[in-house]
Amino acid sequence: MRFVRLAAALVIAGAFVVGCGNDDKEPEASPEEKFCSAFRDYYERSEKNAGEADSVIVASMKSFADEASELTLPDSMSADAKAGLKTWIALIADVPDDASQAEVAALGQDLSRKQVDQLDEYYLYANAKCLSATP
């Protein structure tokens, strides 16, 4: 009988420890969740800043480019979409802080057809995964 009580006490104590341990730590966000969170923030800033000076818009683009370059890209993002994002990051990195939106748009003129297609893949991925779904 003593053995049964000891076993029951250990099971209860173990359940208590496991139950308490789950409350201490939230699971870390996946690469897709982190990317989409950053992209949604950038998108919302872009919507809010639509009428702002070009320097504000360029600063927002540069901020997202810096953040995106530090992220682990999601496995759900195709190789072409990843290449498109990397192209976009490289283009934005070269933009002067005082560039106009027209100057930023003109950067794409020197891209190859493949790079343009990759940029399109990136935009499609980001819009479908990050803006179509509720966080």
C-alpha atoms as a PDB file:
ATOM      1  CA  MET A   1       0.000   0.000   0.000  1.00  0.00           C
ATOM      2  CA  ARG A   2       2.853   2.323   0.821  1.00  0.00           C
ATOM      3  CA  PHE A   3       4.258   1.717  -2.683  1.00  0.00           C
ATOM      4  CA  VAL A   4       0.926   2.662  -4.290  1.00  0.00           C
ATOM      5  CA  ARG A   5       0.758   5.941  -2.349  1.00  0.00           C
ATOM      6  CA  LEU A   6       4.354   6.764  -3.278  1.00  0.00           C
ATOM      7  CA  ALA A   7       3.697   6.021  -6.945  1.00  0.00           C
ATOM      8  CA  ALA A   8       0.522   8.136  -6.892  1.00  0.00           C
ATOM      9  CA  ALA A   9       2.387  11.019  -5.236  1.00  0.00           C
ATOM     10  CA  LEU A  10       5.125  10.862  -7.876  1.00  0.00           C
ATOM     11  CA  VAL A  11       2.583  10.860 -10.711  1.00  0.00           C
ATOM     12  CA  ILE A  12       0.775  13.854  -9.230  1.00  0.00           C
ATOM     13  CA  ALA A  13       4.051  15.721  -8.627  1.00  0.00           C
ATOM     14  CA  GLY A  14       5.209  14.937 -12.158  1.00  0.00           C
ATOM     15  CA  ALA A  15       1.956  16.175 -13.651  1.00  0.00           C
ATOM     16  CA  PHE A  16       2.209  19.360 -11.604  1.00  0.00           C
ATOM     17  CA  VAL A  17       5.783  20.033 -12.773  1.00  0.00           C
ATOM     18  CA  VAL A  18       4.905  19.379 -16.417  1.00  0.00           C
ATOM     19  CA  GLY A  19       1.791  21.540 -16.173  1.00  0.00           C
ATOM     20  CA  CYS A  20       3.690  24.413 -14.604  1.00  0.00           C
ATOM     21  CA  GLY A  21       6.542  24.150 -17.067  1.00  0.00           C
ATOM     22  CA  ASN A  22       4.248  24.774 -20.038  1.00  0.00           C
ATOM     23  CA  ASP A  23       3.213  28.183 -18.721  1.00  0.00           C
ATOM     24  CA  ASP A  24       6.765  29.467 -18.411  1.00  0.00           C
ATOM     25  CA  LYS A  25       7.687  29.509 -22.083  1.00  0.00           C
ATOM     26  CA  GLU A  26       5.714  30.308 -25.192  1.00  0.00           C
ATOM     27  CA  PRO A  27       6.748  28.520 -28.359  1.00  0.00           C
ATOM     28  CA  GLU A  28       9.022  30.555 -30.590  1.00  0.00           C
ATOM     29  CA  ALA A  29       7.461  31.935 -33.744  1.00  0.00           C
ATOM     30  CA  SER A  30       8.234  30.060 -36.940  1.00  0.00           C
ATOM     31  CA  PRO A  31      10.304  31.703 -39.695  1.00  0.00           C
ATOM     32  CA  GLU A  32       7.070  32.201 -41.670  1.00  0.00           C
ATOM     33  CA  GLU A  33       5.378  33.892 -38.708  1.00  0.00           C
ATOM     34  CA  LYS A  34       8.395  36.159 -38.147  1.00  0.00           C
ATOM     35  CA  PHE A  35       8.626  37.066 -41.837  1.00  0.00           C
ATOM     36  CA  CYS A  36       4.898  37.746 -42.116  1.00  0.00           C
ATOM     37  CA  SER A  37       4.910  39.851 -38.975  1.00  0.00           C
ATOM     38  CA  ALA A  38       7.719  42.002 -40.372  1.00  0.00           C
ATOM     39  CA  PHE A  39       6.059  42.200 -43.795  1.00  0.00           C
ATOM     40  CA  ARG A  40       2.665  43.159 -42.322  1.00  0.00           C
ATOM     41  CA  ASP A  41       4.317  45.898 -40.242  1.00  0.00           C
ATOM     42  CA  TYR A  42       6.030  47.225 -43.369  1.00  0.00           C
ATOM     43  CA  TYR A  43       2.803  47.015 -45.366  1.00  0.00           C
ATOM     44  CA  GLU A  44       0.835  48.856 -42.679  1.00  0.00           C
ATOM     45  CA  ARG A  45       3.511  51.569 -42.493  1.00  0.00           C
ATOM     46  CA  SER A  46       3.357  51.890 -46.283  1.00  0.00           C
ATOM     47  CA  GLU A  47      -0.416  52.327 -46.189  1.00  0.00           C
ATOM     48  CA  LYS A  48      -0.180  54.860 -43.371  1.00  0.00           C
ATOM     49  CA  ASN A  49       2.697  56.752 -45.014  1.00  0.00           C
ATOM     50  CA  ALA A  50       1.142  56.888 -48.506  1.00  0.00           C
ATOM     51  CA  GLY A  51       0.931  60.688 -48.506  1.00  0.00           C
ATOM     52  CA  GLU A  52       4.189  61.292 -46.639  1.00  0.00           C
ATOM     53  CA  ALA A  53       7.397  62.755 -48.036  1.00  0.00           C
ATOM     54  CA  ASP A  54       9.495  60.442 -50.177  1.00  0.00           C
ATOM     55  CA  SER A  55      12.189  60.323 -47.492  1.00  0.00           C
ATOM     56  CA  VAL A  56       9.706  58.800 -45.002  1.00  0.00           C
ATOM     57  CA  ILE A  57       8.672  56.133 -47.505  1.00  0.00           C
ATOM     58  CA  VAL A  58      12.278  55.334 -48.448  1.00  0.00           C
ATOM     59  CA  ALA A  59      13.209  55.107 -44.755  1.00  0.00           C
ATOM     60  CA  SER A  60      10.376  52.620 -44.224  1.00  0.00           C
ATOM     61  CA  MET A  61      11.567  50.537 -47.181  1.00  0.00           C
ATOM     62  CA  LYS A  62      15.131  50.551 -45.875  1.00  0.00           C
ATOM     63  CA  SER A  63      13.941  49.576 -42.411  1.00  0.00           C
ATOM     64  CA  PHE A  64      12.072  46.542 -43.756  1.00  0.00           C
ATOM     65  CA  ALA A  65      14.998  45.602 -46.007  1.00  0.00           C
ATOM     66  CA  ASP A  66      17.332  45.640 -42.994  1.00  0.00           C
ATOM     67  CA  GLU A  67      14.899  43.584 -40.928  1.00  0.00           C
ATOM     68  CA  ALA A  68      14.201  41.081 -43.730  1.00  0.00           C
ATOM     69  CA  SER A  69      17.908  40.567 -44.383  1.00  0.00           C
ATOM     70  CA  GLU A  70      18.309  39.348 -40.790  1.00  0.00           C
ATOM     71  CA  LEU A  71      15.423  36.871 -40.900  1.00  0.00           C
ATOM     72  CA  THR A  72      15.586  33.167 -41.599  1.00  0.00           C
ATOM     73  CA  LEU A  73      13.427  32.833 -44.680  1.00  0.00           C
ATOM     74  CA  PRO A  74      10.510  30.410 -44.428  1.00  0.00           C
ATOM     75  CA  ASP A  75      10.716  26.961 -46.002  1.00  0.00           C
ATOM     76  CA  SER A  76       7.334  27.684 -47.579  1.00  0.00           C
ATOM     77  CA  MET A  77       8.930  30.454 -49.664  1.00  0.00           C
ATOM     78  CA  SER A  78      10.069  29.186 -53.056  1.00  0.00           C
ATOM     79  CA  ALA A  79      13.659  29.586 -54.219  1.00  0.00           C
ATOM     80  CA  ASP A  80      12.519  32.171 -56.769  1.00  0.00           C
ATOM     81  CA  ALA A  81      10.622  34.153 -54.136  1.00  0.00           C
ATOM     82  CA  LYS A  82      13.693  34.083 -51.864  1.00  0.00           C
ATOM     83  CA  ALA A  83      15.857  35.290 -54.748  1.00  0.00           C
ATOM     84  CA  GLY A  84      13.310  38.031 -55.468  1.00  0.00           C
ATOM     85  CA  LEU A  85      13.388  39.212 -51.858  1.00  0.00           C
ATOM     86  CA  LYS A  86      17.187  39.226 -51.887  1.00  0.00           C
ATOM     87  CA  THR A  87      17.141  41.267 -55.109  1.00  0.00           C
ATOM     88  CA  TRP A  88      14.693  43.722 -53.538  1.00  0.00           C
ATOM     89  CA  ILE A  89      16.879  44.031 -50.430  1.00  0.00           C
ATOM     90  CA  ALA A  90      19.962  44.698 -52.572  1.00  0.00           C
ATOM     91  CA  LEU A  91      18.126  47.323 -54.627  1.00  0.00           C
ATOM     92  CA  ILE A  92      16.841  49.144 -51.551  1.00  0.00           C
ATOM     93  CA  ALA A  93      20.270  49.050 -49.898  1.00  0.00           C
ATOM     94  CA  ASP A  94      21.619  51.091 -52.811  1.00  0.00           C
ATOM     95  CA  VAL A  95      18.888  53.732 -52.615  1.00  0.00           C
ATOM     96  CA  PRO A  96      20.039  57.082 -51.216  1.00  0.00           C
ATOM     97  CA  ASP A  97      18.065  58.252 -48.184  1.00  0.00           C
ATOM     98  CA  ASP A  98      16.842  61.291 -50.108  1.00  0.00           C
ATOM     99  CA  ALA A  99      15.704  59.341 -53.192  1.00  0.00           C
ATOM    100  CA  SER A 100      12.313  60.011 -54.675  1.00  0.00           C
ATOM    101  CA  GLN A 101       9.742  57.277 -55.202  1.00  0.00           C
ATOM    102  CA  ALA A 102      10.291  57.659 -58.951  1.00  0.00           C
ATOM    103  CA  GLU A 103      14.009  56.951 -58.460  1.00  0.00           C
ATOM    104  CA  VAL A 104      13.177  53.864 -56.412  1.00  0.00           C
ATOM    105  CA  ALA A 105      10.761  52.628 -59.093  1.00  0.00           C
ATOM    106  CA  ALA A 106      13.383  53.210 -61.782  1.00  0.00           C
ATOM    107  CA  LEU A 107      15.785  50.784 -60.096  1.00  0.00           C
ATOM    108  CA  GLY A 108      13.893  47.865 -61.566  1.00  0.00           C
ATOM    109  CA  GLN A 109      14.638  48.948 -65.131  1.00  0.00           C
ATOM    110  CA  ASP A 110      18.074  47.348 -65.100  1.00  0.00           C
ATOM    111  CA  LEU A 111      16.881  43.961 -63.870  1.00  0.00           C
ATOM    112  CA  SER A 112      16.908  40.875 -66.043  1.00  0.00           C
ATOM    113  CA  ARG A 113      13.657  39.165 -66.995  1.00  0.00           C
ATOM    114  CA  LYS A 114      14.491  36.396 -64.521  1.00  0.00           C
ATOM    115  CA  GLN A 115      15.017  38.887 -61.686  1.00  0.00           C
ATOM    116  CA  VAL A 116      11.706  40.577 -62.477  1.00  0.00           C
ATOM    117  CA  ASP A 117       9.980  37.186 -62.410  1.00  0.00           C
ATOM    118  CA  GLN A 118      11.647  36.419 -59.064  1.00  0.00           C
ATOM    119  CA  LEU A 119      10.494  39.760 -57.653  1.00  0.00           C
ATOM    120  CA  ASP A 120       6.969  38.897 -58.796  1.00  0.00           C
ATOM    121  CA  GLU A 121       7.248  35.539 -56.993  1.00  0.00           C
ATOM    122  CA  TYR A 122       8.324  37.337 -53.817  1.00  0.00           C
ATOM    123  CA  TYR A 123       5.414  39.798 -54.026  1.00  0.00           C
ATOM    124  CA  LEU A 124       2.933  36.986 -54.690  1.00  0.00           C
ATOM    125  CA  TYR A 125       4.250  34.961 -51.759  1.00  0.00           C
ATOM    126  CA  ALA A 126       4.235  37.885 -49.319  1.00  0.00           C
ATOM    127  CA  ASN A 127       0.760  39.010 -50.322  1.00  0.00           C
ATOM    128  CA  ALA A 128      -0.752  35.508 -50.295  1.00  0.00           C
ATOM    129  CA  LYS A 129       0.893  34.241 -47.106  1.00  0.00           C
ATOM    130  CA  CYS A 130       1.095  37.388 -45.048  1.00  0.00           C
ATOM    131  CA  LEU A 131      -1.764  39.636 -46.093  1.00  0.00           C
ATOM    132  CA  SER A 132      -4.466  37.154 -47.069  1.00  0.00           C
ATOM    133  CA  ALA A 133      -4.398  35.225 -43.803  1.00  0.00           C
ATOM    134  CA  THR A 134      -5.294  36.570 -40.402  1.00  0.00           C
ATOM    135  CA  PRO A 135      -2.346  36.621 -37.990  1.00  0.00           C
END
